[in-house]
Amino acid sequence: MGQSLDDYPDLLTTNQVAGVLQVSADQVRKNLRAGVWPGVRPGQRDWRMRRSTVRAIIDGRDPWEHEQQEQTE
């Protein structure tokens, strides 16, 4: 059985997001580059996504709306 999303760190790697969402890491990166999903890219390293944003995607909520709410709280 897979890990619960709550077991992951606050910022997930593209590989972790891919595992949770059951898509390829390339698809995750494509969505991040295209601005479909919000994420951060610390330095020149790979993308990271907030665990709460991944939860919003799973729940069918708009991840950008969720991200804005996170920033104002």
PDB file of N, CA and C in Angstrom:
ATOM      1  N   MET A   1       0.844  -1.183   0.000  1.00  0.00           N
ATOM      2  CA  MET A   1       0.000   0.000   0.000  1.00  0.00           C
ATOM      3  C   MET A   1       0.885   1.242   0.000  1.00  0.00           C
ATOM      4  N   GLY A   2       0.477   2.297  -0.713  1.00  0.00           N
ATOM      5  CA  GLY A   2       1.269   3.510  -0.832  1.00  0.00           C
ATOM      6  C   GLY A   2       1.205   4.384   0.405  1.00  0.00           C
ATOM      7  N   GLN A   3       2.097   5.353   0.409  1.00  0.00           N
ATOM      8  CA  GLN A   3       2.147   6.312   1.503  1.00  0.00           C
ATOM      9  C   GLN A   3       0.940   7.231   1.454  1.00  0.00           C
ATOM     10  N   SER A   4       0.500   7.663   2.618  1.00  0.00           N
ATOM     11  CA  SER A   4      -0.530   8.683   2.698  1.00  0.00           C
ATOM     12  C   SER A   4       0.106  10.023   2.346  1.00  0.00           C
ATOM     13  N   LEU A   5      -0.647  10.909   1.737  1.00  0.00           N
ATOM     14  CA  LEU A   5      -0.120  12.232   1.403  1.00  0.00           C
ATOM     15  C   LEU A   5       0.370  12.944   2.659  1.00  0.00           C
ATOM     16  N   ASP A   6      -0.269  12.697   3.784  1.00  0.00           N
ATOM     17  CA  ASP A   6       0.130  13.332   5.044  1.00  0.00           C
ATOM     18  C   ASP A   6       1.516  12.889   5.509  1.00  0.00           C
ATOM     19  N   ASP A   7       2.013  11.778   4.991  1.00  0.00           N
ATOM     20  CA  ASP A   7       3.342  11.283   5.362  1.00  0.00           C
ATOM     21  C   ASP A   7       4.470  11.989   4.610  1.00  0.00           C
ATOM     22  N   TYR A   8       4.122  12.756   3.588  1.00  0.00           N
ATOM     23  CA  TYR A   8       5.131  13.454   2.791  1.00  0.00           C
ATOM     24  C   TYR A   8       5.513  14.781   3.449  1.00  0.00           C
ATOM     25  N   PRO A   9       6.673  15.342   3.077  1.00  0.00           N
ATOM     26  CA  PRO A   9       7.072  16.657   3.613  1.00  0.00           C
ATOM     27  C   PRO A   9       6.166  17.759   3.057  1.00  0.00           C
ATOM     28  N   ASP A  10       6.299  18.961   3.597  1.00  0.00           N
ATOM     29  CA  ASP A  10       5.476  20.093   3.149  1.00  0.00           C
ATOM     30  C   ASP A  10       5.694  20.422   1.677  1.00  0.00           C
ATOM     31  N   LEU A  11       6.926  20.253   1.194  1.00  0.00           N
ATOM     32  CA  LEU A  11       7.235  20.469  -0.221  1.00  0.00           C
ATOM     33  C   LEU A  11       7.612  19.134  -0.851  1.00  0.00           C
ATOM     34  N   LEU A  12       6.868  18.751  -1.886  1.00  0.00           N
ATOM     35  CA  LEU A  12       7.103  17.478  -2.560  1.00  0.00           C
ATOM     36  C   LEU A  12       7.897  17.686  -3.842  1.00  0.00           C
ATOM     37  N   THR A  13       8.744  16.723  -4.167  1.00  0.00           N
ATOM     38  CA  THR A  13       9.468  16.733  -5.437  1.00  0.00           C
ATOM     39  C   THR A  13       8.513  16.320  -6.559  1.00  0.00           C
ATOM     40  N   THR A  14       8.954  16.525  -7.791  1.00  0.00           N
ATOM     41  CA  THR A  14       8.120  16.111  -8.918  1.00  0.00           C
ATOM     42  C   THR A  14       7.907  14.598  -8.918  1.00  0.00           C
ATOM     43  N   ASN A  15       8.912  13.841  -8.515  1.00  0.00           N
ATOM     44  CA  ASN A  15       8.752  12.382  -8.453  1.00  0.00           C
ATOM     45  C   ASN A  15       7.733  11.989  -7.390  1.00  0.00           C
ATOM     46  N   GLN A  16       7.744  12.672  -6.255  1.00  0.00           N
ATOM     47  CA  GLN A  16       6.770  12.369  -5.208  1.00  0.00           C
ATOM     48  C   GLN A  16       5.359  12.723  -5.669  1.00  0.00           C
ATOM     49  N   VAL A  17       5.211  13.896  -6.299  1.00  0.00           N
ATOM     50  CA  VAL A  17       3.897  14.306  -6.815  1.00  0.00           C
ATOM     51  C   VAL A  17       3.410  13.300  -7.853  1.00  0.00           C
ATOM     52  N   ALA A  18       4.306  12.879  -8.734  1.00  0.00           N
ATOM     53  CA  ALA A  18       3.945  11.903  -9.764  1.00  0.00           C
ATOM     54  C   ALA A  18       3.433  10.611  -9.131  1.00  0.00           C
ATOM     55  N   GLY A  19       4.096  10.154  -8.080  1.00  0.00           N
ATOM     56  CA  GLY A  19       3.661   8.940  -7.404  1.00  0.00           C
ATOM     57  C   GLY A  19       2.295   9.087  -6.764  1.00  0.00           C
ATOM     58  N   VAL A  20       2.068  10.218  -6.131  1.00  0.00           N
ATOM     59  CA  VAL A  20       0.783  10.460  -5.466  1.00  0.00           C
ATOM     60  C   VAL A  20      -0.345  10.554  -6.490  1.00  0.00           C
ATOM     61  N   LEU A  21      -0.104  11.292  -7.577  1.00  0.00           N
ATOM     62  CA  LEU A  21      -1.149  11.513  -8.585  1.00  0.00           C
ATOM     63  C   LEU A  21      -1.211  10.412  -9.639  1.00  0.00           C
ATOM     64  N   GLN A  22      -0.263   9.488  -9.589  1.00  0.00           N
ATOM     65  CA  GLN A  22      -0.184   8.374 -10.532  1.00  0.00           C
ATOM     66  C   GLN A  22      -0.080   8.847 -11.979  1.00  0.00           C
ATOM     67  N   VAL A  23       0.837   9.799 -12.179  1.00  0.00           N
ATOM     68  CA  VAL A  23       1.188  10.290 -13.509  1.00  0.00           C
ATOM     69  C   VAL A  23       2.712  10.274 -13.594  1.00  0.00           C
ATOM     70  N   SER A  24       3.257  10.574 -14.757  1.00  0.00           N
ATOM     71  CA  SER A  24       4.716  10.590 -14.885  1.00  0.00           C
ATOM     72  C   SER A  24       5.290  11.890 -14.319  1.00  0.00           C
ATOM     73  N   ALA A  25       6.545  11.826 -13.902  1.00  0.00           N
ATOM     74  CA  ALA A  25       7.230  13.031 -13.422  1.00  0.00           C
ATOM     75  C   ALA A  25       7.336  14.053 -14.552  1.00  0.00           C
ATOM     76  N   ASP A  26       7.482  13.585 -15.787  1.00  0.00           N
ATOM     77  CA  ASP A  26       7.523  14.505 -16.931  1.00  0.00           C
ATOM     78  C   ASP A  26       6.206  15.261 -17.075  1.00  0.00           C
ATOM     79  N   GLN A  27       5.091  14.589 -16.834  1.00  0.00           N
ATOM     80  CA  GLN A  27       3.785  15.255 -16.911  1.00  0.00           C
ATOM     81  C   GLN A  27       3.651  16.304 -15.811  1.00  0.00           C
ATOM     82  N   VAL A  28       4.142  15.998 -14.628  1.00  0.00           N
ATOM     83  CA  VAL A  28       4.119  16.969 -13.529  1.00  0.00           C
ATOM     84  C   VAL A  28       4.931  18.199 -13.929  1.00  0.00           C
ATOM     85  N   ARG A  29       6.148  17.993 -14.426  1.00  0.00           N
ATOM     86  CA  ARG A  29       7.003  19.114 -14.844  1.00  0.00           C
ATOM     87  C   ARG A  29       6.349  19.933 -15.957  1.00  0.00           C
ATOM     88  N   LYS A  30       5.715  19.245 -16.899  1.00  0.00           N
ATOM     89  CA  LYS A  30       5.038  19.930 -18.003  1.00  0.00           C
ATOM     90  C   LYS A  30       3.941  20.843 -17.462  1.00  0.00           C
ATOM     91  N   ASN A  31       3.140  20.348 -16.524  1.00  0.00           N
ATOM     92  CA  ASN A  31       2.066  21.158 -15.945  1.00  0.00           C
ATOM     93  C   ASN A  31       2.618  22.331 -15.141  1.00  0.00           C
ATOM     94  N   LEU A  32       3.731  22.122 -14.467  1.00  0.00           N
ATOM     95  CA  LEU A  32       4.356  23.212 -13.711  1.00  0.00           C
ATOM     96  C   LEU A  32       4.920  24.273 -14.655  1.00  0.00           C
ATOM     97  N   ARG A  33       5.634  23.853 -15.679  1.00  0.00           N
ATOM     98  CA  ARG A  33       6.210  24.807 -16.649  1.00  0.00           C
ATOM     99  C   ARG A  33       5.128  25.599 -17.373  1.00  0.00           C
ATOM    100  N   ALA A  34       4.015  24.933 -17.690  1.00  0.00           N
ATOM    101  CA  ALA A  34       2.923  25.584 -18.418  1.00  0.00           C
ATOM    102  C   ALA A  34       2.072  26.473 -17.512  1.00  0.00           C
ATOM    103  N   GLY A  35       2.301  26.403 -16.212  1.00  0.00           N
ATOM    104  CA  GLY A  35       1.516  27.212 -15.288  1.00  0.00           C
ATOM    105  C   GLY A  35       0.163  26.618 -14.941  1.00  0.00           C
ATOM    106  N   VAL A  36      -0.044  25.348 -15.291  1.00  0.00           N
ATOM    107  CA  VAL A  36      -1.299  24.675 -14.943  1.00  0.00           C
ATOM    108  C   VAL A  36      -1.374  24.474 -13.432  1.00  0.00           C
ATOM    109  N   TRP A  37      -0.249  24.115 -12.841  1.00  0.00           N
ATOM    110  CA  TRP A  37      -0.149  23.922 -11.396  1.00  0.00           C
ATOM    111  C   TRP A  37       0.890  24.878 -10.823  1.00  0.00           C
ATOM    112  N   PRO A  38       0.647  25.430  -9.638  1.00  0.00           N
ATOM    113  CA  PRO A  38       1.651  26.288  -9.000  1.00  0.00           C
ATOM    114  C   PRO A  38       2.758  25.456  -8.362  1.00  0.00           C
ATOM    115  N   GLY A  39       3.953  25.983  -8.412  1.00  0.00           N
ATOM    116  CA  GLY A  39       5.085  25.317  -7.787  1.00  0.00           C
ATOM    117  C   GLY A  39       6.235  26.290  -7.636  1.00  0.00           C
ATOM    118  N   VAL A  40       7.277  25.835  -7.003  1.00  0.00           N
ATOM    119  CA  VAL A  40       8.480  26.652  -6.837  1.00  0.00           C
ATOM    120  C   VAL A  40       9.665  25.874  -7.391  1.00  0.00           C
ATOM    121  N   ARG A  41      10.644  26.621  -7.797  1.00  0.00           N
ATOM    122  CA  ARG A  41      11.854  25.990  -8.327  1.00  0.00           C
ATOM    123  C   ARG A  41      13.050  26.629  -7.630  1.00  0.00           C
ATOM    124  N   PRO A  42      13.427  26.088  -6.483  1.00  0.00           N
ATOM    125  CA  PRO A  42      14.525  26.688  -5.722  1.00  0.00           C
ATOM    126  C   PRO A  42      15.853  26.567  -6.468  1.00  0.00           C
ATOM    127  N   GLY A  43      16.443  27.710  -6.765  1.00  0.00           N
ATOM    128  CA  GLY A  43      17.701  27.691  -7.517  1.00  0.00           C
ATOM    129  C   GLY A  43      17.487  27.065  -8.877  1.00  0.00           C
ATOM    130  N   GLN A  44      18.387  26.227  -9.282  1.00  0.00           N
ATOM    131  CA  GLN A  44      18.270  25.519 -10.557  1.00  0.00           C
ATOM    132  C   GLN A  44      17.797  24.086 -10.339  1.00  0.00           C
ATOM    133  N   ARG A  45      17.350  23.807  -9.137  1.00  0.00           N
ATOM    134  CA  ARG A  45      16.910  22.447  -8.824  1.00  0.00           C
ATOM    135  C   ARG A  45      15.543  22.168  -9.430  1.00  0.00           C
ATOM    136  N   ASP A  46      15.138  20.936  -9.298  1.00  0.00           N
ATOM    137  CA  ASP A  46      13.847  20.496  -9.808  1.00  0.00           C
ATOM    138  C   ASP A  46      12.721  21.222  -9.077  1.00  0.00           C
ATOM    139  N   TRP A  47      11.554  21.175  -9.654  1.00  0.00           N
ATOM    140  CA  TRP A  47      10.376  21.816  -9.089  1.00  0.00           C
ATOM    141  C   TRP A  47       9.970  21.185  -7.760  1.00  0.00           C
ATOM    142  N   ARG A  48       9.253  21.960  -6.969  1.00  0.00           N
ATOM    143  CA  ARG A  48       8.635  21.488  -5.729  1.00  0.00           C
ATOM    144  C   ARG A  48       7.191  21.992  -5.703  1.00  0.00           C
ATOM    145  N   MET A  49       6.324  21.197  -5.100  1.00  0.00           N
ATOM    146  CA  MET A  49       4.925  21.601  -4.922  1.00  0.00           C
ATOM    147  C   MET A  49       4.549  21.437  -3.458  1.00  0.00           C
ATOM    148  N   ARG A  50       3.709  22.342  -2.979  1.00  0.00           N
ATOM    149  CA  ARG A  50       3.213  22.227  -1.610  1.00  0.00           C
ATOM    150  C   ARG A  50       2.315  20.997  -1.491  1.00  0.00           C
ATOM    151  N   ARG A  51       2.427  20.336  -0.371  1.00  0.00           N
ATOM    152  CA  ARG A  51       1.568  19.177  -0.107  1.00  0.00           C
ATOM    153  C   ARG A  51       0.097  19.595  -0.168  1.00  0.00           C
ATOM    154  N   SER A  52      -0.221  20.760   0.380  1.00  0.00           N
ATOM    155  CA  SER A  52      -1.609  21.227   0.395  1.00  0.00           C
ATOM    156  C   SER A  52      -2.120  21.511  -1.023  1.00  0.00           C
ATOM    157  N   THR A  53      -1.239  21.916  -1.924  1.00  0.00           N
ATOM    158  CA  THR A  53      -1.637  22.140  -3.316  1.00  0.00           C
ATOM    159  C   THR A  53      -1.930  20.808  -4.003  1.00  0.00           C
ATOM    160  N   VAL A  54      -1.118  19.809  -3.721  1.00  0.00           N
ATOM    161  CA  VAL A  54      -1.370  18.470  -4.269  1.00  0.00           C
ATOM    162  C   VAL A  54      -2.708  17.953  -3.749  1.00  0.00           C
ATOM    163  N   ARG A  55      -2.990  18.197  -2.482  1.00  0.00           N
ATOM    164  CA  ARG A  55      -4.283  17.797  -1.906  1.00  0.00           C
ATOM    165  C   ARG A  55      -5.427  18.494  -2.653  1.00  0.00           C
ATOM    166  N   ALA A  56      -5.268  19.775  -2.972  1.00  0.00           N
ATOM    167  CA  ALA A  56      -6.304  20.509  -3.709  1.00  0.00           C
ATOM    168  C   ALA A  56      -6.554  19.866  -5.073  1.00  0.00           C
ATOM    169  N   ILE A  57      -5.485  19.449  -5.749  1.00  0.00           N
ATOM    170  CA  ILE A  57      -5.625  18.789  -7.051  1.00  0.00           C
ATOM    171  C   ILE A  57      -6.389  17.477  -6.890  1.00  0.00           C
ATOM    172  N   ILE A  58      -6.037  16.698  -5.886  1.00  0.00           N
ATOM    173  CA  ILE A  58      -6.719  15.424  -5.631  1.00  0.00           C
ATOM    174  C   ILE A  58      -8.204  15.653  -5.355  1.00  0.00           C
ATOM    175  N   ASP A  59      -8.495  16.715  -4.603  1.00  0.00           N
ATOM    176  CA  ASP A  59      -9.882  17.020  -4.226  1.00  0.00           C
ATOM    177  C   ASP A  59     -10.671  17.692  -5.342  1.00  0.00           C
ATOM    178  N   GLY A  60     -10.012  17.961  -6.480  1.00  0.00           N
ATOM    179  CA  GLY A  60     -10.702  18.569  -7.607  1.00  0.00           C
ATOM    180  C   GLY A  60     -10.884  20.071  -7.486  1.00  0.00           C
ATOM    181  N   ARG A  61     -10.133  20.694  -6.566  1.00  0.00           N
ATOM    182  CA  ARG A  61     -10.215  22.149  -6.405  1.00  0.00           C
ATOM    183  C   ARG A  61      -9.177  22.823  -7.295  1.00  0.00           C
ATOM    184  N   ASP A  62      -9.391  24.090  -7.576  1.00  0.00           N
ATOM    185  CA  ASP A  62      -8.447  24.869  -8.381  1.00  0.00           C
ATOM    186  C   ASP A  62      -7.170  25.072  -7.579  1.00  0.00           C
ATOM    187  N   PRO A  63      -6.038  24.531  -8.047  1.00  0.00           N
ATOM    188  CA  PRO A  63      -4.806  24.658  -7.262  1.00  0.00           C
ATOM    189  C   PRO A  63      -4.315  26.097  -7.150  1.00  0.00           C
ATOM    190  N   TRP A  64      -4.613  26.942  -8.143  1.00  0.00           N
ATOM    191  CA  TRP A  64      -4.180  28.345  -8.070  1.00  0.00           C
ATOM    192  C   TRP A  64      -4.996  29.109  -7.038  1.00  0.00           C
ATOM    193  N   GLU A  65      -6.288  28.834  -6.988  1.00  0.00           N
ATOM    194  CA  GLU A  65      -7.135  29.474  -5.968  1.00  0.00           C
ATOM    195  C   GLU A  65      -6.674  29.050  -4.577  1.00  0.00           C
ATOM    196  N   HIS A  66      -6.373  27.781  -4.439  1.00  0.00           N
ATOM    197  CA  HIS A  66      -5.880  27.272  -3.159  1.00  0.00           C
ATOM    198  C   HIS A  66      -4.567  27.952  -2.788  1.00  0.00           C
ATOM    199  N   GLU A  67      -3.675  28.103  -3.746  1.00  0.00           N
ATOM    200  CA  GLU A  67      -2.365  28.722  -3.499  1.00  0.00           C
ATOM    201  C   GLU A  67      -2.536  30.162  -3.023  1.00  0.00           C
ATOM    202  N   GLN A  68      -3.473  30.890  -3.617  1.00  0.00           N
ATOM    203  CA  GLN A  68      -3.730  32.272  -3.197  1.00  0.00           C
ATOM    204  C   GLN A  68      -4.249  32.310  -1.765  1.00  0.00           C
ATOM    205  N   GLN A  69      -5.107  31.379  -1.409  1.00  0.00           N
ATOM    206  CA  GLN A  69      -5.622  31.316  -0.036  1.00  0.00           C
ATOM    207  C   GLN A  69      -4.497  31.025   0.939  1.00  0.00           C
ATOM    208  N   GLU A  70      -3.583  30.137   0.571  1.00  0.00           N
ATOM    209  CA  GLU A  70      -2.439  29.804   1.427  1.00  0.00           C
ATOM    210  C   GLU A  70      -1.576  31.037   1.675  1.00  0.00           C
ATOM    211  N   GLN A  71      -1.415  31.869   0.665  1.00  0.00           N
ATOM    212  CA  GLN A  71      -0.547  33.036   0.776  1.00  0.00           C
ATOM    213  C   GLN A  71      -1.158  34.119   1.653  1.00  0.00           C
ATOM    214  N   THR A  72      -2.492  34.166   1.739  1.00  0.00           N
ATOM    215  CA  THR A  72      -3.136  35.213   2.537  1.00  0.00           C
ATOM    216  C   THR A  72      -3.362  34.791   3.979  1.00  0.00           C
ATOM    217  N   GLU A  73      -3.166  33.532   4.275  1.00  0.00           N
ATOM    218  CA  GLU A  73      -3.382  33.064   5.657  1.00  0.00           C
ATOM    219  C   GLU A  73      -2.159  33.258   6.506  1.00  0.00           C
TER     220      GLU A  73
END
